[in-house]
Amino acid sequence: MATIKKFYTAKNYTLEDSVGFLLRSLTQVVSREVESRMTEHGLTDAQWKPLLFIRLGRGDTAAELARCTCIDTGAVTRMLDRLEDKALVQRVRSAEDRRVVNLILTEEGAYLADKVIPSVLSDTLNEVLAGFSTSEYEQFKSLLLRALDNANRMNEKGETA
């Protein structure tokens, strides 16, 4: 187990130098830009994410979509209603278990999830990473993954305590 280096103390902590604050700020700015770009395609922030999750096979039902997006099932149901009204998603009863309602992308929903959404995300992130060399990008990603791994381990300890 790695020794925990104390980068922060109550005495030296400032919001502007906090990794958490910087990550949150970056996430908010990128999210606002992505949302702005998705609006051009008739999608809100709450709508493009489920389309992508469904396409990736991570949200085949409303309950599964709620779990993986951390949104309550009532909100997911209302959002699915809007996506269905836009003819982007269909709800189809499972032939194996009539209690299960599967989520299927329509042709237009699949087009958005396959072409538009990845294109908008790629373009936005490439602009965020402008000026990074390939090795800086790889190092940045590696450091983020390591921090995420540490946070997940910390979370797991809290769940078992």
Protein backbone atom coordinates (compact mmCIF):
# COMPACT_ATOMS: atom_id res chain seq x y z
CA MET A 1 0.00 0.00 0.00
CA ALA A 2 1.33 3.42 -0.99
CA THR A 3 2.23 5.96 1.67
CA ILE A 4 -0.18 8.87 1.68
CA LYS A 5 1.65 12.13 1.08
CA LYS A 6 -0.02 15.13 2.67
CA PHE A 7 -0.37 17.69 -0.12
CA TYR A 8 -3.03 19.59 1.83
CA THR A 9 -3.45 20.63 5.44
CA ALA A 10 -6.14 22.73 7.04
CA LYS A 11 -3.54 25.48 7.36
CA ASN A 12 -2.38 25.58 3.71
CA TYR A 13 -5.63 24.62 1.95
CA THR A 14 -6.94 27.12 -0.58
CA LEU A 15 -9.85 26.54 -2.88
CA GLU A 16 -8.01 27.77 -5.99
CA ASP A 17 -5.23 25.20 -5.48
CA SER A 18 -7.52 22.30 -4.61
CA VAL A 19 -7.38 19.46 -7.13
CA GLY A 20 -11.04 18.76 -6.36
CA PHE A 21 -12.03 22.35 -7.11
CA LEU A 22 -9.99 22.38 -10.33
CA LEU A 23 -11.51 19.07 -11.50
CA ARG A 24 -15.01 20.30 -10.69
CA SER A 25 -14.38 23.60 -12.49
CA LEU A 26 -13.04 21.79 -15.56
CA THR A 27 -16.01 19.44 -15.57
CA GLN A 28 -18.48 22.33 -15.31
CA VAL A 29 -16.89 24.32 -18.12
CA VAL A 30 -16.66 21.28 -20.43
CA SER A 31 -20.25 20.27 -19.57
CA ARG A 32 -21.57 23.75 -20.41
CA GLU A 33 -19.74 23.71 -23.75
CA VAL A 34 -20.95 20.20 -24.63
CA GLU A 35 -24.51 21.16 -23.68
CA SER A 36 -24.29 24.25 -25.88
CA ARG A 37 -23.07 22.18 -28.82
CA MET A 38 -25.70 19.46 -28.28
CA THR A 39 -28.44 22.12 -28.34
CA GLU A 40 -27.61 22.64 -32.02
CA HIS A 41 -28.76 19.03 -32.53
CA GLY A 42 -31.93 19.41 -30.47
CA LEU A 43 -30.54 17.61 -27.42
CA THR A 44 -30.30 18.72 -23.83
CA ASP A 45 -27.64 17.52 -21.40
CA ALA A 46 -30.20 15.19 -19.85
CA GLN A 47 -31.04 13.69 -23.25
CA TRP A 48 -27.74 13.01 -25.03
CA LYS A 49 -26.24 11.02 -22.16
CA PRO A 50 -28.99 8.35 -22.07
CA LEU A 51 -28.81 7.96 -25.85
CA LEU A 52 -25.10 7.23 -25.56
CA PHE A 53 -25.56 4.87 -22.58
CA ILE A 54 -28.28 2.95 -24.43
CA ARG A 55 -26.08 2.69 -27.53
CA LEU A 56 -23.17 1.40 -25.43
CA GLY A 57 -25.43 -1.27 -23.89
CA ARG A 58 -25.25 0.29 -20.44
CA GLY A 59 -28.89 1.28 -20.19
CA ASP A 60 -31.12 -1.34 -21.75
CA THR A 61 -33.91 -0.67 -19.23
CA ALA A 62 -35.04 2.42 -17.33
CA ALA A 63 -33.83 0.92 -14.05
CA GLU A 64 -30.40 0.13 -15.49
CA LEU A 65 -30.18 3.60 -17.02
CA ALA A 66 -31.09 5.17 -13.67
CA ARG A 67 -28.37 3.16 -11.91
CA CYS A 68 -25.57 3.93 -14.34
CA THR A 69 -26.42 7.64 -14.67
CA CYS A 70 -27.14 8.12 -10.95
CA ILE A 71 -30.54 9.64 -11.72
CA ASP A 72 -33.69 8.62 -9.86
CA THR A 73 -36.06 6.38 -11.77
CA GLY A 74 -38.85 8.99 -11.84
CA ALA A 75 -36.58 11.49 -13.58
CA VAL A 76 -35.38 8.79 -16.00
CA THR A 77 -38.98 7.91 -16.85
CA ARG A 78 -39.83 11.57 -17.59
CA MET A 79 -36.68 11.95 -19.68
CA LEU A 80 -37.50 8.77 -21.61
CA ASP A 81 -40.97 10.18 -22.27
CA ARG A 82 -39.34 13.22 -23.89
CA LEU A 83 -36.93 11.06 -25.91
CA GLU A 84 -39.86 8.94 -27.06
CA ASP A 85 -41.81 12.10 -28.02
CA LYS A 86 -38.79 13.13 -30.12
CA ALA A 87 -38.82 9.67 -31.75
CA LEU A 88 -35.29 8.90 -30.53
CA VAL A 89 -36.11 5.98 -28.20
CA GLN A 90 -38.72 3.21 -28.17
CA ARG A 91 -39.85 1.19 -25.19
CA VAL A 92 -40.33 -2.44 -26.16
CA ARG A 93 -41.63 -5.16 -23.85
CA SER A 94 -39.30 -8.11 -23.46
CA ALA A 95 -40.52 -11.29 -25.11
CA GLU A 96 -38.84 -13.36 -22.35
CA ASP A 97 -40.26 -11.41 -19.39
CA ARG A 98 -43.29 -9.17 -19.98
CA ARG A 99 -42.45 -7.18 -16.81
CA VAL A 100 -39.24 -5.91 -18.44
CA VAL A 101 -39.38 -2.95 -20.81
CA ASN A 102 -36.29 -2.64 -23.00
CA LEU A 103 -35.03 0.63 -24.43
CA ILE A 104 -34.27 0.65 -28.14
CA LEU A 105 -32.86 3.54 -30.14
CA THR A 106 -34.80 4.57 -33.22
CA GLU A 107 -32.92 5.13 -36.46
CA GLU A 108 -32.56 8.84 -35.61
CA GLY A 109 -31.54 8.04 -32.02
CA ALA A 110 -28.90 5.60 -33.27
CA TYR A 111 -27.59 8.19 -35.74
CA LEU A 112 -27.21 10.74 -32.94
CA ALA A 113 -25.56 8.19 -30.63
CA ASP A 114 -23.21 6.87 -33.33
CA LYS A 115 -22.22 10.03 -35.17
CA VAL A 116 -23.29 13.32 -33.59
CA ILE A 117 -22.67 12.71 -29.89
CA PRO A 118 -19.18 11.17 -30.28
CA SER A 119 -18.26 13.93 -32.74
CA VAL A 120 -19.35 16.71 -30.37
CA LEU A 121 -17.58 15.09 -27.42
CA SER A 122 -14.39 14.48 -29.42
CA ASP A 123 -14.27 18.02 -30.82
CA THR A 124 -14.89 19.56 -27.40
CA LEU A 125 -12.29 17.44 -25.61
CA ASN A 126 -9.73 18.01 -28.35
CA GLU A 127 -10.16 21.76 -27.84
CA VAL A 128 -9.77 21.33 -24.07
CA LEU A 129 -6.55 19.40 -24.68
CA ALA A 130 -5.19 21.88 -27.24
CA GLY A 131 -1.45 22.30 -26.84
CA PHE A 132 -0.95 18.99 -25.04
CA SER A 133 1.62 16.68 -26.57
CA THR A 134 0.74 13.01 -26.96
CA SER A 135 2.89 12.13 -23.97
CA GLU A 136 1.30 14.89 -21.86
CA TYR A 137 -2.16 13.62 -22.82
CA GLU A 138 -1.20 10.05 -21.92
CA GLN A 139 0.34 11.19 -18.62
CA PHE A 140 -2.70 13.36 -17.77
CA LYS A 141 -5.05 10.45 -18.47
CA SER A 142 -2.85 8.08 -16.45
CA LEU A 143 -2.79 10.45 -13.47
CA LEU A 144 -6.56 10.92 -13.61
CA LEU A 145 -7.06 7.14 -13.72
CA ARG A 146 -4.74 6.67 -10.74
CA ALA A 147 -6.59 9.35 -8.75
CA LEU A 148 -9.91 7.73 -9.70
CA ASP A 149 -8.60 4.35 -8.59
CA ASN A 150 -7.53 5.85 -5.23
CA ALA A 151 -10.94 7.48 -4.82
CA ASN A 152 -12.73 4.21 -5.65
CA ARG A 153 -10.63 2.33 -3.08
CA MET A 154 -11.39 5.03 -0.51
CA ASN A 155 -15.10 4.68 -1.34
CA GLU A 156 -14.95 0.88 -1.02
CA LYS A 157 -13.39 1.20 2.44
CA GLY A 158 -16.23 3.50 3.48
CA GLU A 159 -18.84 1.04 2.24
CA THR A 160 -17.38 -1.85 4.24
CA ALA A 161 -16.73 0.14 7.40
